[in-house]
N, C-alpha and C. Protein backbone atom coordinates (compact mmCIF):
# COMPACT_ATOMS: atom_id res chain seq x y z
N MET A 1 -22.19 -62.26 4.18
CA MET A 1 -23.48 -61.42 5.40
C MET A 1 -21.93 -60.79 6.10
N ALA A 2 -20.77 -62.31 6.53
CA ALA A 2 -20.20 -61.63 7.36
C ALA A 2 -19.13 -60.65 6.95
N ASN A 3 -18.99 -60.80 5.34
CA ASN A 3 -17.99 -60.52 4.93
C ASN A 3 -18.14 -58.85 4.56
N LYS A 4 -19.32 -58.85 4.09
CA LYS A 4 -20.27 -57.30 3.90
C LYS A 4 -19.94 -56.58 4.95
N ALA A 5 -20.25 -56.85 6.64
CA ALA A 5 -19.89 -56.17 7.93
C ALA A 5 -18.49 -55.80 8.07
N ILE A 6 -17.22 -56.92 7.49
CA ILE A 6 -16.09 -56.59 7.77
C ILE A 6 -15.76 -55.15 6.45
N GLN A 7 -16.73 -55.61 5.30
CA GLN A 7 -15.68 -54.58 4.39
C GLN A 7 -16.43 -53.38 5.22
N GLY A 8 -17.54 -53.69 5.47
CA GLY A 8 -18.10 -51.56 5.92
C GLY A 8 -17.72 -50.75 7.33
N ILE A 9 -17.00 -52.09 8.41
CA ILE A 9 -15.84 -51.66 9.16
C ILE A 9 -14.95 -51.08 8.73
N LYS A 10 -13.91 -51.91 8.09
CA LYS A 10 -12.73 -51.12 7.40
C LYS A 10 -12.95 -50.11 6.71
N ASN A 11 -14.38 -49.85 5.28
CA ASN A 11 -14.82 -48.78 5.15
C ASN A 11 -14.50 -47.65 6.01
N LYS A 12 -15.39 -47.82 7.48
CA LYS A 12 -15.72 -46.82 8.32
C LYS A 12 -14.14 -46.61 8.74
N ILE A 13 -13.65 -47.26 8.93
CA ILE A 13 -11.50 -47.35 9.73
C ILE A 13 -11.17 -46.14 8.58
N ASP A 14 -11.34 -46.38 7.10
CA ASP A 14 -10.24 -45.41 5.99
C ASP A 14 -11.14 -44.24 6.50
N SER A 15 -12.34 -44.09 6.50
CA SER A 15 -12.86 -42.66 6.30
C SER A 15 -12.17 -42.19 7.48
N ALA A 16 -12.30 -42.83 8.82
CA ALA A 16 -12.22 -42.04 10.02
C ALA A 16 -10.50 -41.50 9.68
N ASP A 17 -9.52 -42.53 9.46
CA ASP A 17 -8.08 -42.26 8.94
C ASP A 17 -8.35 -40.96 8.36
N LYS A 18 -8.52 -40.89 6.95
CA LYS A 18 -8.66 -39.75 6.24
C LYS A 18 -9.11 -38.37 7.63
N GLU A 19 -10.22 -38.66 7.94
CA GLU A 19 -10.61 -37.44 8.55
C GLU A 19 -10.02 -36.74 9.45
N VAL A 20 -8.86 -37.59 10.34
CA VAL A 20 -7.74 -37.38 11.17
C VAL A 20 -6.71 -37.05 10.61
N ASN A 21 -6.38 -37.49 9.41
CA ASN A 21 -5.41 -36.59 8.61
C ASN A 21 -5.66 -35.57 7.95
N LYS A 22 -6.56 -35.26 8.01
CA LYS A 22 -7.32 -33.68 6.85
C LYS A 22 -7.10 -32.92 8.38
N LEU A 23 -7.98 -33.30 9.73
CA LEU A 23 -8.38 -32.84 10.44
C LEU A 23 -6.76 -32.14 10.94
N SER A 24 -5.65 -33.28 11.44
CA SER A 24 -4.22 -32.90 11.89
C SER A 24 -3.30 -32.01 11.42
N SER A 25 -3.71 -32.12 10.13
CA SER A 25 -3.21 -30.85 9.19
C SER A 25 -3.49 -29.90 9.30
N GLY A 26 -3.89 -28.86 10.55
CA GLY A 26 -4.86 -27.71 10.37
C GLY A 26 -3.34 -26.56 10.34
N VAL A 27 -4.06 -26.04 9.51
CA VAL A 27 -3.24 -24.47 9.40
C VAL A 27 -3.14 -23.77 10.89
N LYS A 28 -2.34 -22.91 11.03
CA LYS A 28 -1.25 -23.23 12.17
C LYS A 28 -2.37 -21.63 12.49
N THR A 29 -2.35 -20.93 13.69
CA THR A 29 -3.24 -20.36 14.12
C THR A 29 -1.60 -18.82 14.93
N SER A 30 -1.95 -17.96 14.94
CA SER A 30 -1.09 -16.97 15.41
C SER A 30 -0.68 -17.00 16.59
N GLU A 31 -1.10 -18.32 17.82
CA GLU A 31 -0.39 -18.73 18.76
C GLU A 31 0.35 -19.55 18.42
N GLY A 32 0.52 -19.87 17.38
CA GLY A 32 1.66 -20.92 17.00
C GLY A 32 0.60 -22.55 17.40
N ARG A 33 -0.21 -22.24 17.22
CA ARG A 33 -0.81 -23.79 17.61
C ARG A 33 -2.18 -24.05 16.67
N ASN A 34 -2.18 -25.65 16.49
CA ASN A 34 -2.92 -26.29 15.08
C ASN A 34 -4.56 -25.45 15.41
N LYS A 35 -5.17 -25.78 14.80
CA LYS A 35 -6.79 -25.29 15.06
C LYS A 35 -7.07 -26.69 15.64
N MET A 36 -6.77 -27.81 15.33
CA MET A 36 -7.33 -29.15 15.57
C MET A 36 -6.81 -28.87 17.37
N ASP A 37 -5.96 -28.64 17.63
CA ASP A 37 -5.12 -28.49 19.18
C ASP A 37 -6.37 -27.77 19.78
N GLU A 38 -7.00 -26.66 18.88
CA GLU A 38 -7.79 -25.65 20.09
C GLU A 38 -9.10 -26.38 19.93
N GLU A 39 -9.93 -27.41 18.90
CA GLU A 39 -10.96 -27.75 18.78
C GLU A 39 -11.42 -29.39 20.01
N LEU A 40 -9.70 -29.96 20.04
CA LEU A 40 -9.89 -31.02 20.54
C LEU A 40 -8.95 -30.90 21.85
N VAL A 41 -9.31 -30.25 22.35
CA VAL A 41 -8.94 -29.96 23.89
C VAL A 41 -8.27 -31.61 24.57
N GLY A 42 -7.54 -31.87 25.29
CA GLY A 42 -7.11 -32.77 26.15
C GLY A 42 -7.63 -34.16 25.66
N VAL A 43 -7.23 -34.45 24.55
CA VAL A 43 -7.38 -35.84 23.56
C VAL A 43 -5.91 -36.07 23.52
N ASN A 44 -5.65 -37.08 23.59
CA ASN A 44 -4.05 -37.33 23.06
C ASN A 44 -3.81 -37.37 21.85
N LYS A 45 -2.62 -36.10 21.47
CA LYS A 45 -2.13 -36.31 20.22
C LYS A 45 -1.30 -37.88 19.58
N ASN A 46 -0.73 -37.95 20.25
CA ASN A 46 0.29 -38.95 20.14
C ASN A 46 -0.44 -40.66 20.48
N LEU A 47 -1.98 -40.50 19.51
CA LEU A 47 -2.38 -41.99 19.89
C LEU A 47 -1.45 -43.13 18.47
N ARG A 48 -1.64 -44.17 19.33
CA ARG A 48 -1.16 -45.21 18.13
C ARG A 48 -1.57 -46.36 17.60
N TYR A 49 -2.15 -46.68 15.99
CA TYR A 49 -3.10 -47.54 16.32
C TYR A 49 -2.19 -48.86 16.24
N GLN A 50 -2.78 -49.99 16.93
CA GLN A 50 -2.03 -51.33 16.84
C GLN A 50 -3.13 -52.32 16.37
N SER A 51 -1.85 -53.61 15.51
CA SER A 51 -2.69 -54.44 14.37
C SER A 51 -3.23 -55.41 15.81
N LEU A 52 -4.87 -55.91 15.09
CA LEU A 52 -5.31 -57.00 15.80
C LEU A 52 -5.77 -57.84 14.87
N ILE A 53 -5.23 -59.19 15.37
CA ILE A 53 -5.43 -60.66 14.60
C ILE A 53 -6.48 -61.06 14.74
N ILE A 54 -7.75 -60.84 14.19
CA ILE A 54 -8.89 -61.92 14.31
C ILE A 54 -9.43 -62.76 13.53
N GLU A 55 -9.48 -63.79 13.58
CA GLU A 55 -9.72 -64.90 12.82
C GLU A 55 -8.73 -64.84 11.58
N GLY A 56 -7.33 -64.47 11.45
CA GLY A 56 -6.97 -63.99 10.36
C GLY A 56 -6.95 -62.84 9.41
N THR A 57 -7.96 -62.06 10.17
CA THR A 57 -8.14 -60.54 8.95
C THR A 57 -7.39 -59.54 10.24
N LYS A 58 -6.70 -58.75 9.97
CA LYS A 58 -6.01 -57.74 10.78
C LYS A 58 -6.40 -56.47 10.62
N TYR A 59 -7.08 -56.17 11.92
CA TYR A 59 -7.14 -54.36 12.04
C TYR A 59 -6.37 -53.75 12.59
N ARG A 60 -6.58 -52.69 12.07
CA ARG A 60 -5.73 -51.41 12.19
C ARG A 60 -6.98 -51.11 13.83
N THR A 61 -6.44 -50.59 15.38
CA THR A 61 -7.23 -50.35 16.02
C THR A 61 -6.97 -49.29 17.28
N LEU A 62 -7.50 -48.80 17.99
CA LEU A 62 -6.36 -48.38 19.48
C LEU A 62 -7.41 -49.12 20.54
N LEU A 63 -6.35 -49.47 21.45
CA LEU A 63 -6.65 -50.82 22.62
C LEU A 63 -6.59 -49.42 23.58
N ASN A 64 -7.43 -49.81 23.62
CA ASN A 64 -7.99 -48.93 25.74
C ASN A 64 -6.55 -49.91 26.49
N ARG A 65 -6.74 -48.95 27.12
CA ARG A 65 -5.32 -49.43 28.85
C ARG A 65 -5.75 -50.90 29.26
N LYS A 66 -7.38 -50.76 29.92
CA LYS A 66 -7.59 -52.11 30.14
C LYS A 66 -7.37 -53.04 29.14
N PHE A 67 -7.82 -52.98 28.20
CA PHE A 67 -7.12 -54.06 27.67
C PHE A 67 -5.52 -54.65 26.73
N GLU A 68 -5.02 -53.39 27.12
CA GLU A 68 -3.54 -53.50 27.10
C GLU A 68 -2.69 -54.33 28.43
N ASN A 69 -3.55 -54.06 29.59
CA ASN A 69 -3.09 -54.98 30.51
C ASN A 69 -3.77 -56.09 31.21
N ARG A 70 -4.32 -56.96 30.66
CA ARG A 70 -4.81 -57.79 30.64
C ARG A 70 -4.31 -59.04 31.10
N LYS A 71 -4.79 -59.77 31.76
CA LYS A 71 -3.84 -60.94 32.11
C LYS A 71 -4.10 -61.86 30.75
N ASN A 72 -2.55 -62.37 30.22
CA ASN A 72 -3.24 -63.31 28.95
C ASN A 72 -3.43 -64.58 29.96
N TRP A 73 -4.25 -64.87 28.76
CA TRP A 73 -4.63 -66.33 28.55
C TRP A 73 -3.68 -67.66 28.78
N ASN A 74 -3.71 -68.62 29.52
CA ASN A 74 -2.54 -69.64 29.27
C ASN A 74 -3.68 -71.00 28.96
N ASN A 75 -3.25 -71.99 28.57
CA ASN A 75 -3.68 -73.47 27.71
C ASN A 75 -3.66 -74.17 29.48
N PRO A 76 -4.79 -74.23 30.16
CA PRO A 76 -4.83 -75.29 31.46
C PRO A 76 -4.33 -76.29 31.19
N ASP A 77 -3.28 -76.66 32.02
CA ASP A 77 -2.37 -78.13 32.37
C ASP A 77 -3.71 -79.35 32.64
N PRO A 78 -4.38 -80.50 31.75
CA PRO A 78 -4.76 -80.89 32.01
C PRO A 78 -4.42 -82.09 33.22
N LYS A 79 -3.52 -81.96 33.68
CA LYS A 79 -2.67 -82.99 34.35
C LYS A 79 -2.98 -82.40 35.96
N LYS A 80 -3.68 -80.73 35.89
CA LYS A 80 -3.98 -80.28 37.08
C LYS A 80 -5.57 -79.88 37.29
N VAL A 81 -5.97 -80.26 38.35
CA VAL A 81 -7.23 -79.64 38.88
C VAL A 81 -7.33 -78.62 39.76
N ILE A 82 -7.64 -77.67 39.03
CA ILE A 82 -7.86 -76.21 40.03
C ILE A 82 -8.99 -75.68 40.36
N SER A 83 -9.11 -74.99 41.26
CA SER A 83 -10.31 -74.28 42.19
C SER A 83 -10.58 -72.87 40.94
N TYR A 84 -11.43 -73.25 40.50
CA TYR A 84 -11.84 -71.90 39.47
C TYR A 84 -12.55 -70.69 40.12
N ILE A 85 -13.68 -71.12 41.64
CA ILE A 85 -13.71 -70.19 42.41
C ILE A 85 -13.11 -70.57 44.25
N PRO A 86 -13.57 -69.96 44.53
CA PRO A 86 -13.17 -70.03 46.32
C PRO A 86 -14.30 -71.04 46.64
N GLY A 87 -13.64 -71.65 47.88
CA GLY A 87 -14.87 -72.17 48.35
C GLY A 87 -14.29 -73.84 49.48
N THR A 88 -15.06 -74.32 49.94
CA THR A 88 -14.49 -75.19 50.88
C THR A 88 -14.77 -76.63 50.53
N VAL A 89 -13.89 -77.60 50.82
CA VAL A 89 -13.86 -78.61 50.51
C VAL A 89 -14.82 -79.49 50.71
N VAL A 90 -16.13 -80.34 50.96
CA VAL A 90 -16.89 -81.29 51.62
C VAL A 90 -16.72 -82.39 51.99
N LYS A 91 -16.12 -83.40 50.93
CA LYS A 91 -15.25 -84.26 50.80
C LYS A 91 -14.80 -84.62 49.66
N VAL A 92 -13.41 -85.75 49.91
CA VAL A 92 -12.43 -86.19 49.01
C VAL A 92 -12.48 -87.79 48.86
N PHE A 93 -13.02 -88.02 47.73
CA PHE A 93 -13.13 -89.23 47.18
C PHE A 93 -11.96 -90.17 46.83
N ILE A 94 -10.57 -89.44 46.60
CA ILE A 94 -9.60 -90.12 46.37
C ILE A 94 -8.34 -89.98 47.32
N ARG A 95 -7.17 -90.65 47.09
CA ARG A 95 -6.27 -90.64 47.46
C ARG A 95 -4.91 -90.66 46.47
N GLU A 96 -3.79 -90.22 47.60
CA GLU A 96 -2.52 -90.13 46.60
C GLU A 96 -2.39 -92.01 46.09
N GLY A 97 -1.87 -92.20 44.67
CA GLY A 97 -1.41 -93.21 43.86
C GLY A 97 -2.61 -94.05 43.37
N GLN A 98 -3.44 -93.69 43.83
CA GLN A 98 -5.32 -94.36 43.38
C GLN A 98 -5.40 -94.39 41.56
N GLN A 99 -5.60 -95.05 40.94
CA GLN A 99 -5.63 -95.07 39.52
C GLN A 99 -7.14 -94.56 39.04
N VAL A 100 -7.17 -94.02 38.94
CA VAL A 100 -8.44 -92.94 38.05
C VAL A 100 -8.83 -92.90 36.77
N GLU A 101 -10.42 -93.26 36.59
CA GLU A 101 -10.96 -92.51 35.28
C GLU A 101 -11.63 -91.77 34.82
N GLN A 102 -11.61 -91.33 33.42
CA GLN A 102 -12.20 -89.96 33.19
C GLN A 102 -13.92 -90.36 33.55
N GLY A 103 -13.75 -89.33 34.53
CA GLY A 103 -15.69 -89.28 34.70
C GLY A 103 -15.56 -89.77 36.22
N ASP A 104 -14.36 -90.06 37.15
CA ASP A 104 -14.70 -90.40 38.45
C ASP A 104 -14.91 -89.37 39.10
N SER A 105 -15.40 -89.09 39.98
CA SER A 105 -15.73 -88.04 41.18
C SER A 105 -14.04 -88.00 41.74
N ILE A 106 -13.91 -86.85 41.91
CA ILE A 106 -12.52 -85.76 42.58
C ILE A 106 -12.90 -85.76 44.38
N LEU A 107 -14.02 -84.38 44.07
CA LEU A 107 -14.48 -84.09 45.85
C LEU A 107 -15.40 -83.41 45.09
N ILE A 108 -16.16 -82.89 46.64
CA ILE A 108 -17.44 -81.74 46.55
C ILE A 108 -16.61 -80.93 46.94
N LEU A 109 -16.71 -79.46 46.43
CA LEU A 109 -16.66 -78.12 46.70
C LEU A 109 -17.95 -77.41 46.65
N GLU A 110 -17.78 -76.79 47.96
CA GLU A 110 -19.06 -76.14 48.62
C GLU A 110 -18.24 -74.34 48.15
N ALA A 111 -19.36 -73.66 47.44
CA ALA A 111 -19.25 -72.46 46.57
C ALA A 111 -20.76 -72.03 46.69
N MET A 112 -20.28 -70.23 47.30
CA MET A 112 -22.32 -70.04 47.25
C MET A 112 -23.11 -70.87 47.59
N LYS A 113 -23.41 -71.67 48.97
CA LYS A 113 -24.33 -72.55 49.06
C LYS A 113 -24.55 -73.29 47.81
N MET A 114 -23.45 -73.52 46.96
CA MET A 114 -23.71 -74.80 45.57
C MET A 114 -22.99 -75.79 46.03
N LYS A 115 -23.07 -77.01 46.35
CA LYS A 115 -22.40 -78.12 46.24
C LYS A 115 -21.66 -78.80 44.57
N ASN A 116 -20.58 -78.42 44.72
CA ASN A 116 -20.04 -78.92 43.09
C ASN A 116 -19.31 -79.58 43.22
N ARG A 117 -19.68 -80.94 42.48
CA ARG A 117 -19.14 -81.99 41.71
C ARG A 117 -18.11 -82.11 40.96
N ILE A 118 -16.78 -82.38 41.35
CA ILE A 118 -15.59 -82.09 40.39
C ILE A 118 -15.11 -83.57 40.01
N VAL A 119 -15.04 -84.07 39.16
CA VAL A 119 -14.94 -85.18 37.97
C VAL A 119 -13.31 -84.99 37.51
N PHE A 120 -12.98 -85.92 36.98
CA PHE A 120 -12.27 -86.03 36.03
C PHE A 120 -12.17 -85.72 35.05
N SER A 121 -11.13 -85.41 33.99
CA SER A 121 -11.63 -84.97 32.60
C SER A 121 -10.85 -85.61 31.81
N ARG A 122 -9.73 -86.95 32.08
CA ARG A 122 -9.36 -87.69 31.58
C ARG A 122 -8.43 -89.09 32.95
N SER A 123 -8.04 -90.16 32.44
CA SER A 123 -7.68 -91.13 33.06
C SER A 123 -6.51 -90.61 33.23
N GLY A 124 -5.71 -91.71 34.85
CA GLY A 124 -4.60 -91.62 34.75
C GLY A 124 -4.55 -91.68 36.27
N LYS A 125 -2.92 -91.65 37.11
CA LYS A 125 -2.81 -91.78 38.32
C LYS A 125 -2.53 -90.60 39.03
N VAL A 126 -3.44 -90.80 39.93
CA VAL A 126 -3.13 -89.58 41.24
C VAL A 126 -1.59 -89.28 42.22
N LYS A 127 -1.11 -88.27 41.58
CA LYS A 127 0.38 -87.72 41.52
C LYS A 127 0.09 -87.25 43.37
N SER A 128 -0.51 -86.20 43.96
CA SER A 128 -0.71 -85.85 44.61
C SER A 128 -2.18 -85.26 45.32
N VAL A 129 -3.07 -85.27 46.35
CA VAL A 129 -3.96 -84.24 47.06
C VAL A 129 -3.14 -83.54 47.48
N ASN A 130 -4.02 -82.40 47.20
CA ASN A 130 -3.12 -81.01 47.96
C ASN A 130 -4.43 -80.30 49.44
N VAL A 131 -5.31 -81.27 49.45
CA VAL A 131 -6.60 -80.60 50.21
C VAL A 131 -7.12 -81.44 50.95
N SER A 132 -7.68 -81.09 52.15
CA SER A 132 -8.59 -82.31 52.90
C SER A 132 -9.80 -81.55 52.84
N GLU A 133 -10.55 -82.68 53.59
CA GLU A 133 -11.81 -81.97 54.03
C GLU A 133 -11.83 -81.24 55.00
N GLY A 134 -12.99 -80.42 55.15
CA GLY A 134 -13.29 -78.92 55.57
C GLY A 134 -12.01 -77.86 55.08
N GLU A 135 -11.53 -77.87 54.34
CA GLU A 135 -9.85 -76.73 54.22
C GLU A 135 -10.94 -75.73 53.02
N LYS A 136 -10.56 -74.49 53.34
CA LYS A 136 -11.17 -73.58 52.62
C LYS A 136 -9.83 -73.40 51.60
N VAL A 137 -10.16 -73.62 49.94
CA VAL A 137 -9.54 -73.21 49.52
C VAL A 137 -9.83 -71.85 48.07
N PRO A 138 -8.69 -70.96 48.27
CA PRO A 138 -9.02 -69.77 46.91
C PRO A 138 -9.12 -70.38 45.28
N LYS A 139 -9.18 -69.18 44.99
CA LYS A 139 -9.18 -68.97 43.55
C LYS A 139 -8.01 -69.75 42.93
N ASP A 140 -7.97 -70.74 41.76
CA ASP A 140 -6.54 -70.64 40.85
C ASP A 140 -5.72 -71.86 41.67
N TYR A 141 -6.44 -72.49 42.84
CA TYR A 141 -5.55 -73.26 44.19
C TYR A 141 -5.18 -74.90 43.46
N VAL A 142 -4.17 -75.59 42.93
CA VAL A 142 -4.11 -76.52 42.56
C VAL A 142 -4.10 -77.75 43.99
N MET A 143 -5.62 -78.10 43.56
CA MET A 143 -5.82 -78.99 44.44
C MET A 143 -5.29 -80.63 44.05
N ILE A 144 -5.92 -81.11 42.64
CA ILE A 144 -5.28 -82.47 42.87
C ILE A 144 -4.04 -82.88 41.18
N GLU A 145 -3.07 -83.08 41.54
CA GLU A 145 -2.16 -83.46 40.27
C GLU A 145 -2.41 -84.55 39.99
N LEU A 146 -2.22 -85.11 38.72
CA LEU A 146 -2.17 -86.31 37.85
C LEU A 146 -0.81 -86.49 37.65
N GLU A 147 -0.50 -87.86 37.34
CA GLU A 147 0.80 -88.20 36.71
C GLU A 147 0.94 -87.87 35.36
């Protein structure tokens, strides 16, 4: 089922490419411009296709400026506990040098009137605690580090 859908998309892309090539080789008018230039006013004529690979299949596509300027995703460090939303630290349950197990509570972070209990995703020894009770933390702030 998915292969038919992918093949249909590829066929549409190929037919669109053929149509663009046919239009771009238009006949010159007396003013020295293509008919396509007259029909498609305001369209960027220097469009370049880019390759996008999804699950091993390569697609030719046009990417918008927002997609090209996006922030690249980085694999998060499992030894760092990062605040993914801004909030206020209500309670801290650990201290530096303490040995912790997976699933132990770290702290309670209040954000948007919700008290979120943050727990460890792995076992280890606490290297540093960068927050204290009552402190406001911004998004992407490193609150706890493990060794």
